[in-house]
Amino acid sequence: MKRQSVRGFTPLPAAVLMLLFAVFAGCERKPEVYTVRGRDPVYQQELKEQIDRQKRTAKSKAKIQAQIAQLEGRAKAVLPPGATAEQITAEMDAHPEKYPGWKTLSAALAEAIADEEKELADARRVVRQRIQKEAADRKAVEKGEAVAKSAASK
């Protein structure tokens, strides 16, 4: 008698398993996206790294500007009072032996300014790309193609 009851239940687990496979085989998991970029930890990390690079660039530029200011002060002392910036620069260009390092410092300052502009352009690009991604993610959530993700569910 016991043997017959076990045989009677054997198709039931198989049927349940088949039903579960059929249900989950058709389900596709929707991607989770951040619809608010301020909550996206990857974006926040990118911004932090960008800020750190900008700080380093600004720090090196400030050091160069301080050295140039010293050279300009020495050149200004030689020139008559009220000398313009062009006159000061002309004095330093005319007498490189009196102002050692002027050429290299001016070239380094130009490079630092170019680096600063590049960092700013990179920061704008990162923010612009993330704004576009955020807009696309919001549309995907509205269409039901994705699920909004919160910062807590990293």
N, C-alpha and C. Protein backbone atom coordinates (compact mmCIF):
# COMPACT_ATOMS: atom_id res chain seq x y z
N MET A 1 0.81 -1.19 0.00
CA MET A 1 0.00 0.00 0.00
C MET A 1 0.86 1.26 0.00
N LYS A 2 1.89 1.24 0.80
CA LYS A 2 2.76 2.39 0.89
C LYS A 2 3.45 2.63 -0.46
N ARG A 3 3.78 1.60 -1.13
CA ARG A 3 4.46 1.71 -2.40
C ARG A 3 3.58 2.37 -3.46
N GLN A 4 2.35 2.14 -3.46
CA GLN A 4 1.44 2.73 -4.42
C GLN A 4 1.29 4.23 -4.18
N SER A 5 1.29 4.68 -2.93
CA SER A 5 1.12 6.11 -2.65
C SER A 5 2.35 6.90 -3.09
N VAL A 6 3.52 6.30 -2.99
CA VAL A 6 4.73 6.97 -3.44
C VAL A 6 4.70 7.11 -4.95
N ARG A 7 4.28 6.07 -5.65
CA ARG A 7 4.19 6.13 -7.10
C ARG A 7 3.15 7.16 -7.55
N GLY A 8 2.14 7.35 -6.78
CA GLY A 8 1.10 8.31 -7.13
C GLY A 8 1.59 9.75 -7.06
N PHE A 9 2.58 10.03 -6.21
CA PHE A 9 3.07 11.40 -6.05
C PHE A 9 4.29 11.69 -6.92
N THR A 10 4.84 10.73 -7.55
CA THR A 10 6.04 10.94 -8.35
C THR A 10 5.80 11.93 -9.49
N PRO A 11 4.71 11.90 -10.21
CA PRO A 11 4.52 12.88 -11.28
C PRO A 11 4.32 14.31 -10.76
N LEU A 12 3.87 14.46 -9.52
CA LEU A 12 3.60 15.80 -8.99
C LEU A 12 4.88 16.65 -8.89
N PRO A 13 5.97 16.19 -8.29
CA PRO A 13 7.18 17.03 -8.26
C PRO A 13 7.73 17.31 -9.66
N ALA A 14 7.63 16.34 -10.53
CA ALA A 14 8.10 16.57 -11.89
C ALA A 14 7.28 17.65 -12.57
N ALA A 15 5.97 17.62 -12.36
CA ALA A 15 5.10 18.62 -12.96
C ALA A 15 5.39 20.01 -12.38
N VAL A 16 5.65 20.08 -11.08
CA VAL A 16 5.96 21.36 -10.43
C VAL A 16 7.28 21.91 -10.98
N LEU A 17 8.27 21.04 -11.12
CA LEU A 17 9.55 21.47 -11.67
C LEU A 17 9.41 21.97 -13.10
N MET A 18 8.64 21.26 -13.89
CA MET A 18 8.43 21.67 -15.28
C MET A 18 7.72 23.02 -15.34
N LEU A 19 6.76 23.22 -14.44
CA LEU A 19 6.04 24.49 -14.40
C LEU A 19 6.99 25.63 -14.00
N LEU A 20 7.84 25.39 -13.01
CA LEU A 20 8.81 26.41 -12.60
C LEU A 20 9.79 26.73 -13.72
N PHE A 21 10.28 25.73 -14.41
CA PHE A 21 11.18 25.96 -15.53
C PHE A 21 10.50 26.78 -16.62
N ALA A 22 9.26 26.46 -16.90
CA ALA A 22 8.53 27.17 -17.94
C ALA A 22 8.32 28.63 -17.55
N VAL A 23 8.01 28.87 -16.27
CA VAL A 23 7.78 30.25 -15.82
C VAL A 23 9.07 31.05 -15.86
N PHE A 24 10.15 30.49 -15.32
CA PHE A 24 11.40 31.25 -15.22
C PHE A 24 12.16 31.30 -16.55
N ALA A 25 11.89 30.41 -17.44
CA ALA A 25 12.57 30.44 -18.74
C ALA A 25 12.09 31.63 -19.56
N GLY A 26 10.86 32.00 -19.40
CA GLY A 26 10.30 33.12 -20.14
C GLY A 26 10.57 34.45 -19.47
N CYS A 27 10.99 34.47 -18.23
CA CYS A 27 11.26 35.71 -17.51
C CYS A 27 12.67 36.18 -17.81
N GLU A 28 12.77 37.41 -18.16
CA GLU A 28 14.11 37.95 -18.34
C GLU A 28 14.28 39.06 -17.32
N ARG A 29 15.42 39.06 -16.71
CA ARG A 29 15.69 40.03 -15.65
C ARG A 29 15.99 41.39 -16.27
N LYS A 30 15.30 42.39 -15.81
CA LYS A 30 15.50 43.74 -16.32
C LYS A 30 16.71 44.36 -15.62
N PRO A 31 17.52 45.07 -16.37
CA PRO A 31 18.70 45.69 -15.76
C PRO A 31 18.29 46.80 -14.79
N GLU A 32 19.08 46.95 -13.76
CA GLU A 32 18.85 48.04 -12.81
C GLU A 32 19.72 49.22 -13.22
N VAL A 33 19.13 50.39 -13.29
CA VAL A 33 19.85 51.59 -13.71
C VAL A 33 19.62 52.71 -12.71
N TYR A 34 20.58 53.62 -12.63
CA TYR A 34 20.44 54.80 -11.78
C TYR A 34 19.75 55.89 -12.59
N THR A 35 18.63 56.36 -12.10
CA THR A 35 17.91 57.43 -12.78
C THR A 35 18.27 58.79 -12.19
N VAL A 36 19.05 58.79 -11.12
CA VAL A 36 19.57 60.03 -10.53
C VAL A 36 21.08 59.85 -10.43
N ARG A 37 21.81 60.62 -11.22
CA ARG A 37 23.26 60.41 -11.29
C ARG A 37 23.96 60.69 -9.98
N GLY A 38 23.37 61.52 -9.12
CA GLY A 38 23.96 61.81 -7.82
C GLY A 38 24.03 60.61 -6.91
N ARG A 39 23.24 59.59 -7.19
CA ARG A 39 23.23 58.37 -6.38
C ARG A 39 24.12 57.27 -6.94
N ASP A 40 24.66 57.49 -8.13
CA ASP A 40 25.48 56.47 -8.78
C ASP A 40 26.90 56.51 -8.21
N PRO A 41 27.33 55.46 -7.50
CA PRO A 41 28.66 55.49 -6.90
C PRO A 41 29.79 55.51 -7.93
N VAL A 42 29.59 54.92 -9.09
CA VAL A 42 30.63 54.94 -10.14
C VAL A 42 30.82 56.38 -10.64
N TYR A 43 29.72 57.06 -10.86
CA TYR A 43 29.77 58.46 -11.31
C TYR A 43 30.42 59.34 -10.24
N GLN A 44 30.05 59.13 -8.99
CA GLN A 44 30.64 59.90 -7.90
C GLN A 44 32.15 59.68 -7.83
N GLN A 45 32.59 58.45 -8.04
CA GLN A 45 34.02 58.14 -8.03
C GLN A 45 34.73 58.83 -9.20
N GLU A 46 34.10 58.83 -10.38
CA GLU A 46 34.68 59.51 -11.54
C GLU A 46 34.86 60.99 -11.26
N LEU A 47 33.84 61.60 -10.63
CA LEU A 47 33.94 63.02 -10.31
C LEU A 47 35.04 63.28 -9.30
N LYS A 48 35.15 62.42 -8.31
CA LYS A 48 36.20 62.59 -7.29
C LYS A 48 37.58 62.52 -7.93
N GLU A 49 37.79 61.56 -8.81
CA GLU A 49 39.07 61.43 -9.49
C GLU A 49 39.34 62.65 -10.37
N GLN A 50 38.31 63.14 -11.03
CA GLN A 50 38.44 64.33 -11.88
C GLN A 50 38.83 65.54 -11.04
N ILE A 51 38.21 65.70 -9.89
CA ILE A 51 38.52 66.81 -9.00
C ILE A 51 39.95 66.70 -8.50
N ASP A 52 40.38 65.50 -8.16
CA ASP A 52 41.75 65.30 -7.69
C ASP A 52 42.76 65.68 -8.78
N ARG A 53 42.49 65.30 -10.02
CA ARG A 53 43.39 65.66 -11.12
C ARG A 53 43.42 67.18 -11.31
N GLN A 54 42.26 67.82 -11.22
CA GLN A 54 42.21 69.27 -11.38
C GLN A 54 42.98 69.97 -10.25
N LYS A 55 42.89 69.44 -9.05
CA LYS A 55 43.64 70.03 -7.93
C LYS A 55 45.13 69.92 -8.15
N ARG A 56 45.59 68.74 -8.61
CA ARG A 56 47.02 68.56 -8.87
C ARG A 56 47.51 69.52 -9.96
N THR A 57 46.72 69.67 -11.02
CA THR A 57 47.08 70.58 -12.11
C THR A 57 47.14 72.02 -11.61
N ALA A 58 46.15 72.41 -10.82
CA ALA A 58 46.12 73.78 -10.29
C ALA A 58 47.29 74.03 -9.33
N LYS A 59 47.65 73.02 -8.57
CA LYS A 59 48.77 73.17 -7.62
C LYS A 59 50.08 73.37 -8.37
N SER A 60 50.31 72.58 -9.41
CA SER A 60 51.55 72.74 -10.18
C SER A 60 51.57 74.09 -10.90
N LYS A 61 50.41 74.53 -11.39
CA LYS A 61 50.33 75.83 -12.06
C LYS A 61 50.62 76.95 -11.06
N ALA A 62 50.12 76.84 -9.84
CA ALA A 62 50.36 77.86 -8.83
C ALA A 62 51.85 77.95 -8.47
N LYS A 63 52.52 76.81 -8.40
CA LYS A 63 53.97 76.83 -8.11
C LYS A 63 54.74 77.56 -9.21
N ILE A 64 54.39 77.27 -10.44
CA ILE A 64 55.06 77.91 -11.58
C ILE A 64 54.78 79.41 -11.57
N GLN A 65 53.53 79.79 -11.31
CA GLN A 65 53.18 81.20 -11.28
C GLN A 65 53.92 81.94 -10.17
N ALA A 66 54.14 81.28 -9.04
CA ALA A 66 54.88 81.92 -7.95
C ALA A 66 56.33 82.17 -8.36
N GLN A 67 56.94 81.22 -9.05
CA GLN A 67 58.32 81.40 -9.51
C GLN A 67 58.40 82.51 -10.56
N ILE A 68 57.42 82.55 -11.45
CA ILE A 68 57.39 83.60 -12.48
C ILE A 68 57.20 84.96 -11.82
N ALA A 69 56.36 85.02 -10.78
CA ALA A 69 56.13 86.29 -10.08
C ALA A 69 57.42 86.81 -9.46
N GLN A 70 58.26 85.92 -8.95
CA GLN A 70 59.55 86.35 -8.40
C GLN A 70 60.44 86.95 -9.50
N LEU A 71 60.49 86.28 -10.64
CA LEU A 71 61.29 86.80 -11.76
C LEU A 71 60.74 88.14 -12.25
N GLU A 72 59.42 88.25 -12.33
CA GLU A 72 58.80 89.50 -12.76
C GLU A 72 59.10 90.62 -11.77
N GLY A 73 59.11 90.29 -10.49
CA GLY A 73 59.45 91.29 -9.47
C GLY A 73 60.86 91.81 -9.64
N ARG A 74 61.79 90.92 -9.94
CA ARG A 74 63.18 91.34 -10.18
C ARG A 74 63.27 92.21 -11.43
N ALA A 75 62.53 91.83 -12.47
CA ALA A 75 62.55 92.61 -13.71
C ALA A 75 61.88 93.97 -13.51
N LYS A 76 60.84 94.00 -12.74
CA LYS A 76 60.12 95.25 -12.48
C LYS A 76 60.99 96.23 -11.70
N ALA A 77 61.85 95.71 -10.84
CA ALA A 77 62.75 96.56 -10.06
C ALA A 77 63.76 97.27 -10.97
N VAL A 78 64.13 96.63 -12.06
CA VAL A 78 65.10 97.21 -12.99
C VAL A 78 64.44 98.27 -13.87
N LEU A 79 63.18 98.07 -14.20
CA LEU A 79 62.47 98.98 -15.11
C LEU A 79 61.94 100.20 -14.35
N PRO A 80 61.63 101.26 -15.09
CA PRO A 80 61.07 102.45 -14.44
C PRO A 80 59.68 102.15 -13.86
N PRO A 81 59.24 102.91 -12.87
CA PRO A 81 57.93 102.68 -12.26
C PRO A 81 56.81 102.77 -13.31
N GLY A 82 55.79 101.96 -13.14
CA GLY A 82 54.65 101.95 -14.05
C GLY A 82 54.88 101.13 -15.30
N ALA A 83 55.85 100.23 -15.29
CA ALA A 83 56.13 99.39 -16.45
C ALA A 83 54.98 98.42 -16.68
N THR A 84 54.64 98.19 -17.94
CA THR A 84 53.55 97.28 -18.28
C THR A 84 54.04 95.84 -18.29
N ALA A 85 53.10 94.94 -18.35
CA ALA A 85 53.44 93.52 -18.38
C ALA A 85 54.25 93.17 -19.63
N GLU A 86 53.94 93.83 -20.73
CA GLU A 86 54.68 93.58 -21.97
C GLU A 86 56.14 94.04 -21.82
N GLN A 87 56.35 95.17 -21.16
CA GLN A 87 57.71 95.66 -20.95
C GLN A 87 58.49 94.71 -20.04
N ILE A 88 57.82 94.20 -19.01
CA ILE A 88 58.48 93.26 -18.09
C ILE A 88 58.87 91.99 -18.83
N THR A 89 57.97 91.48 -19.64
CA THR A 89 58.25 90.28 -20.42
C THR A 89 59.38 90.53 -21.41
N ALA A 90 59.37 91.69 -22.04
CA ALA A 90 60.43 92.04 -23.00
C ALA A 90 61.79 92.11 -22.30
N GLU A 91 61.82 92.64 -21.08
CA GLU A 91 63.06 92.72 -20.30
C GLU A 91 63.59 91.32 -20.01
N MET A 92 62.72 90.43 -19.60
CA MET A 92 63.15 89.07 -19.27
C MET A 92 63.59 88.31 -20.52
N ASP A 93 62.91 88.56 -21.65
CA ASP A 93 63.31 87.91 -22.91
C ASP A 93 64.65 88.45 -23.41
N ALA A 94 64.89 89.74 -23.20
CA ALA A 94 66.11 90.38 -23.69
C ALA A 94 67.34 89.98 -22.88
N HIS A 95 67.15 89.68 -21.59
CA HIS A 95 68.29 89.36 -20.72
C HIS A 95 68.06 88.02 -20.00
N PRO A 96 68.13 86.92 -20.72
CA PRO A 96 67.88 85.62 -20.09
C PRO A 96 68.92 85.26 -19.03
N GLU A 97 70.11 85.83 -19.11
CA GLU A 97 71.14 85.52 -18.11
C GLU A 97 70.80 86.12 -16.75
N LYS A 98 70.06 87.24 -16.74
CA LYS A 98 69.64 87.87 -15.48
C LYS A 98 68.46 87.13 -14.85
N TYR A 99 67.70 86.47 -15.68
CA TYR A 99 66.47 85.81 -15.21
C TYR A 99 66.51 84.33 -15.61
N PRO A 100 67.35 83.55 -14.91
CA PRO A 100 67.49 82.14 -15.29
C PRO A 100 66.18 81.37 -15.09
N GLY A 101 65.89 80.57 -16.06
CA GLY A 101 64.69 79.74 -15.98
C GLY A 101 63.43 80.39 -16.51
N TRP A 102 63.52 81.64 -16.97
CA TRP A 102 62.33 82.32 -17.46
C TRP A 102 61.71 81.59 -18.64
N LYS A 103 62.51 81.18 -19.58
CA LYS A 103 61.98 80.50 -20.78
C LYS A 103 61.33 79.16 -20.40
N THR A 104 62.01 78.40 -19.56
CA THR A 104 61.44 77.10 -19.17
C THR A 104 60.18 77.28 -18.33
N LEU A 105 60.19 78.30 -17.46
CA LEU A 105 59.00 78.54 -16.63
C LEU A 105 57.81 79.00 -17.47
N SER A 106 58.07 79.87 -18.45
CA SER A 106 56.96 80.33 -19.29
C SER A 106 56.41 79.19 -20.14
N ALA A 107 57.30 78.31 -20.60
CA ALA A 107 56.83 77.14 -21.36
C ALA A 107 56.06 76.18 -20.44
N ALA A 108 56.54 76.00 -19.22
CA ALA A 108 55.84 75.13 -18.27
C ALA A 108 54.49 75.71 -17.89
N LEU A 109 54.41 77.04 -17.78
CA LEU A 109 53.12 77.67 -17.47
C LEU A 109 52.13 77.47 -18.61
N ALA A 110 52.61 77.63 -19.85
CA ALA A 110 51.73 77.40 -21.01
C ALA A 110 51.22 75.96 -21.02
N GLU A 111 52.12 75.02 -20.69
CA GLU A 111 51.72 73.60 -20.65
C GLU A 111 50.71 73.36 -19.52
N ALA A 112 50.93 73.99 -18.37
CA ALA A 112 50.02 73.82 -17.24
C ALA A 112 48.63 74.40 -17.56
N ILE A 113 48.62 75.52 -18.26
CA ILE A 113 47.34 76.11 -18.66
C ILE A 113 46.62 75.18 -19.64
N ALA A 114 47.36 74.60 -20.58
CA ALA A 114 46.78 73.66 -21.54
C ALA A 114 46.24 72.42 -20.81
N ASP A 115 47.00 71.93 -19.83
CA ASP A 115 46.54 70.77 -19.04
C ASP A 115 45.27 71.11 -18.27
N GLU A 116 45.23 72.31 -17.73
CA GLU A 116 44.05 72.74 -16.98
C GLU A 116 42.81 72.80 -17.88
N GLU A 117 42.99 73.34 -19.07
CA GLU A 117 41.88 73.40 -20.03
C GLU A 117 41.44 72.00 -20.45
N LYS A 118 42.41 71.09 -20.62
CA LYS A 118 42.08 69.71 -20.98
C LYS A 118 41.30 69.03 -19.87
N GLU A 119 41.72 69.24 -18.62
CA GLU A 119 41.01 68.66 -17.47
C GLU A 119 39.58 69.17 -17.41
N LEU A 120 39.41 70.46 -17.66
CA LEU A 120 38.08 71.05 -17.64
C LEU A 120 37.21 70.48 -18.75
N ALA A 121 37.80 70.31 -19.93
CA ALA A 121 37.05 69.72 -21.05
C ALA A 121 36.69 68.27 -20.74
N ASP A 122 37.60 67.52 -20.12
CA ASP A 122 37.31 66.13 -19.74
C ASP A 122 36.17 66.08 -18.71
N ALA A 123 36.20 67.00 -17.75
CA ALA A 123 35.14 67.03 -16.73
C ALA A 123 33.79 67.32 -17.38
N ARG A 124 33.77 68.25 -18.29
CA ARG A 124 32.51 68.56 -18.99
C ARG A 124 32.02 67.34 -19.78
N ARG A 125 32.95 66.64 -20.42
CA ARG A 125 32.58 65.45 -21.20
C ARG A 125 31.97 64.38 -20.31
N VAL A 126 32.59 64.14 -19.15
CA VAL A 126 32.09 63.12 -18.21
C VAL A 126 30.69 63.47 -17.75
N VAL A 127 30.48 64.72 -17.38
CA VAL A 127 29.16 65.14 -16.90
C VAL A 127 28.13 65.05 -18.03
N ARG A 128 28.50 65.51 -19.22
CA ARG A 128 27.58 65.47 -20.35
C ARG A 128 27.17 64.03 -20.68
N GLN A 129 28.15 63.11 -20.69
CA GLN A 129 27.85 61.71 -20.97
C GLN A 129 26.92 61.13 -19.92
N ARG A 130 27.15 61.47 -18.66
CA ARG A 130 26.32 60.91 -17.59
C ARG A 130 24.91 61.48 -17.64
N ILE A 131 24.76 62.76 -18.02
CA ILE A 131 23.43 63.34 -18.17
C ILE A 131 22.68 62.62 -19.28
N GLN A 132 23.37 62.34 -20.39
CA GLN A 132 22.73 61.62 -21.49
C GLN A 132 22.36 60.19 -21.07
N LYS A 133 23.25 59.54 -20.33
CA LYS A 133 22.96 58.18 -19.85
C LYS A 133 21.79 58.20 -18.88
N GLU A 134 21.75 59.20 -18.04
CA GLU A 134 20.65 59.31 -17.08
C GLU A 134 19.31 59.49 -17.80
N ALA A 135 19.29 60.32 -18.83
CA ALA A 135 18.07 60.52 -19.61
C ALA A 135 17.64 59.22 -20.29
N ALA A 136 18.60 58.50 -20.86
CA ALA A 136 18.29 57.22 -21.51
C ALA A 136 17.79 56.21 -20.48
N ASP A 137 18.40 56.20 -19.30
CA ASP A 137 17.96 55.28 -18.25
C ASP A 137 16.54 55.60 -17.78
N ARG A 138 16.23 56.87 -17.68
CA ARG A 138 14.86 57.25 -17.28
C ARG A 138 13.84 56.79 -18.32
N LYS A 139 14.19 56.95 -19.60
CA LYS A 139 13.29 56.50 -20.67
C LYS A 139 13.11 54.99 -20.61
N ALA A 140 14.20 54.26 -20.35
CA ALA A 140 14.12 52.80 -20.26
C ALA A 140 13.23 52.38 -19.10
N VAL A 141 13.30 53.09 -17.99
CA VAL A 141 12.44 52.77 -16.84
C VAL A 141 10.99 53.08 -17.18
N GLU A 142 10.75 54.20 -17.85
CA GLU A 142 9.38 54.55 -18.25
C GLU A 142 8.78 53.52 -19.19
N LYS A 143 9.60 52.98 -20.09
CA LYS A 143 9.12 51.97 -21.05
C LYS A 143 9.01 50.59 -20.43
N GLY A 144 9.58 50.42 -19.23
CA GLY A 144 9.53 49.13 -18.58
C GLY A 144 10.67 48.21 -18.98
N GLU A 145 11.67 48.73 -19.65
CA GLU A 145 12.81 47.93 -20.09
C GLU A 145 13.88 47.80 -19.00
N ALA A 146 13.77 48.62 -17.95
CA ALA A 146 14.76 48.61 -16.88
C ALA A 146 14.06 48.94 -15.56
N VAL A 147 14.79 48.73 -14.50
CA VAL A 147 14.27 49.01 -13.17
C VAL A 147 15.15 50.08 -12.53
N ALA A 148 14.52 51.07 -11.89
CA ALA A 148 15.29 52.11 -11.23
C ALA A 148 16.03 51.52 -10.04
N LYS A 149 17.27 51.94 -9.89
CA LYS A 149 18.13 51.41 -8.83
C LYS A 149 18.38 52.51 -7.82
N SER A 150 18.40 52.14 -6.55
CA SER A 150 18.73 53.13 -5.53
C SER A 150 20.15 52.90 -5.07
N ALA A 151 20.72 53.88 -4.37
CA ALA A 151 22.10 53.77 -3.91
C ALA A 151 22.26 52.63 -2.89
N ALA A 152 21.21 52.30 -2.18
CA ALA A 152 21.30 51.26 -1.16
C ALA A 152 21.44 49.87 -1.77
N SER A 153 20.99 49.66 -2.99
CA SER A 153 21.01 48.31 -3.59
C SER A 153 22.21 48.11 -4.51
N LYS A 154 23.32 48.72 -4.22
CA LYS A 154 24.55 48.61 -5.02
C LYS A 154 24.71 47.23 -5.49
